[in-house]
Protein backbone atom coordinates (compact mmCIF):
# COMPACT_ATOMS: atom_id res chain seq x y z
CA MET A 1 17.13 5.49 -33.70
CA ARG A 2 18.92 8.42 -35.29
CA PHE A 3 22.21 7.85 -37.06
CA ILE A 4 24.31 10.09 -39.17
CA HIS A 5 25.77 9.72 -42.56
CA VAL A 6 29.52 10.25 -42.25
CA LEU A 7 31.70 11.31 -45.09
CA ALA A 8 35.36 11.20 -44.19
CA SER A 9 38.06 12.29 -46.55
CA ALA A 10 41.80 12.20 -46.19
CA LEU A 11 43.36 15.14 -47.99
CA GLY A 12 46.60 17.04 -47.90
CA LEU A 13 48.78 14.20 -46.67
CA ALA A 14 52.14 15.40 -45.39
CA ALA A 15 54.73 13.01 -43.98
CA LEU A 16 56.35 14.27 -40.80
CA ALA A 17 59.83 13.50 -42.10
CA PRO A 18 59.60 13.67 -45.91
CA ALA A 19 62.45 12.61 -48.15
CA ALA A 20 62.80 14.49 -51.44
CA GLU A 21 62.43 11.43 -53.69
CA ALA A 22 60.68 9.00 -51.34
CA VAL A 23 57.55 7.17 -52.44
CA LEU A 24 54.75 7.97 -50.01
CA VAL A 25 51.59 5.90 -49.74
CA PRO A 26 48.88 7.71 -47.74
CA PRO A 27 47.25 6.18 -44.67
CA HIS A 28 44.18 4.06 -45.24
CA ILE A 29 41.07 3.84 -43.06
CA ILE A 30 40.53 0.13 -42.38
CA ALA A 31 37.44 0.28 -40.15
CA THR A 32 35.00 3.00 -39.11
CA THR A 33 32.08 3.06 -36.70
CA ASP A 34 28.49 4.27 -36.84
CA ILE A 35 28.16 7.56 -35.04
CA PRO A 36 24.83 8.61 -33.56
CA PHE A 37 23.72 12.16 -34.32
CA PRO A 38 24.64 14.17 -31.21
CA VAL A 39 21.72 13.95 -28.78
CA THR A 40 22.58 17.40 -27.45
CA ILE A 41 21.54 18.93 -30.78
CA ASP A 42 17.82 19.26 -31.45
CA ALA A 43 17.44 17.53 -34.85
CA ARG A 44 14.15 19.39 -35.39
CA LYS A 45 16.12 22.64 -35.61
CA VAL A 46 19.53 21.43 -36.84
CA ALA A 47 19.54 18.45 -39.19
CA THR A 48 23.05 18.75 -40.64
CA GLY A 49 26.50 19.78 -39.55
CA THR A 50 30.21 19.45 -40.22
CA ALA A 51 33.49 19.03 -38.39
CA SER A 52 36.95 19.04 -39.96
CA PHE A 53 40.18 17.96 -38.30
CA ILE A 54 43.91 17.88 -38.91
CA ILE A 55 45.09 14.59 -37.41
CA ASP A 56 48.49 13.08 -36.66
CA ILE A 57 48.78 9.33 -37.13
CA ASP A 58 51.86 7.51 -35.84
CA ALA A 59 53.73 4.69 -37.58
CA ASP A 60 51.47 2.17 -35.80
CA GLY A 61 48.33 3.77 -37.27
CA LYS A 62 47.23 5.29 -33.95
CA LEU A 63 45.72 8.75 -33.57
CA VAL A 64 48.27 10.72 -31.54
CA ASP A 65 47.07 14.31 -31.96
CA TRP A 66 44.24 16.27 -33.52
CA LEU A 67 43.06 19.80 -34.13
CA ALA A 68 39.51 20.79 -35.06
CA THR A 69 39.93 23.28 -37.91
CA SER A 70 36.28 24.06 -38.62
CA TYR A 71 32.87 22.99 -37.35
CA THR A 72 29.26 24.11 -37.28
CA ALA A 73 28.74 23.14 -33.61
CA GLU A 74 31.07 21.87 -30.88
CA ASP A 75 28.89 18.77 -30.48
CA PHE A 76 29.94 17.68 -33.98
CA VAL A 77 33.60 18.02 -32.94
CA ARG A 78 32.99 15.73 -29.96
CA ALA A 79 31.13 13.17 -32.13
CA GLY A 80 33.86 13.24 -34.79
CA LEU A 81 36.63 12.85 -32.22
CA LEU A 82 34.88 9.88 -30.59
CA ALA A 83 34.71 8.24 -34.02
CA LEU A 84 38.34 8.97 -34.85
CA LYS A 85 39.47 7.36 -31.60
CA GLU A 86 37.65 4.13 -32.54
CA TRP A 87 38.74 3.94 -36.18
CA ARG A 88 41.46 1.56 -37.29
CA ILE A 89 43.94 3.12 -39.68
CA ARG A 90 46.75 1.57 -41.70
CA PRO A 91 49.67 4.01 -41.37
CA ALA A 92 51.27 5.82 -44.27
CA LEU A 93 54.18 4.06 -45.94
CA GLN A 94 57.36 5.75 -47.08
CA ASP A 95 59.53 3.55 -49.26
CA GLY A 96 57.56 0.57 -47.93
CA GLN A 97 58.10 1.43 -44.25
CA PRO A 98 55.33 2.69 -41.89
CA VAL A 99 55.74 6.37 -40.99
CA GLY A 100 53.84 8.95 -39.00
CA CYS A 101 51.90 11.49 -41.01
CA ARG A 102 49.52 14.41 -40.78
CA THR A 103 46.31 14.53 -42.82
CA THR A 104 42.85 16.07 -42.78
CA VAL A 105 39.50 14.40 -42.16
CA ALA A 106 36.10 15.99 -42.72
CA PHE A 107 32.80 14.74 -41.31
CA GLU A 108 29.38 15.64 -42.64
CA PHE A 109 26.56 14.86 -40.21
CA GLN A 110 22.94 14.40 -41.23
CA ALA A 111 20.05 13.41 -38.97
CA ARG A 112 18.04 10.53 -40.39
CA GLY A 113 14.93 8.69 -39.36
CA LYS A 114 12.07 9.75 -37.17
CA VAL A 115 12.60 11.88 -34.14
CA ILE A 116 10.13 10.88 -31.44
């Protein structure tokens, strides 16, 4: 079975309603899922790929909006979005209270194992 190695990073956190002196704790990914390498991509020809997103997370830690900002193939966007929808995320905290935020997530896909 082919699986990918996923590297996700949260960068560039920006609260939707920032206060000038507020203490902001970024969101935290609590649980991720294994994502199979997209079957629509021939791993014999393409063994790696990327997809980067800007995502909006609400005060409950739910994904409410997303924008693919770069990718090497649309199939990697679909695989990344499926993963994001299954992840559990602790929301950002501003002065100890959950708040919505916008951040970036980048996926790096790599085919592994034998392709039969």
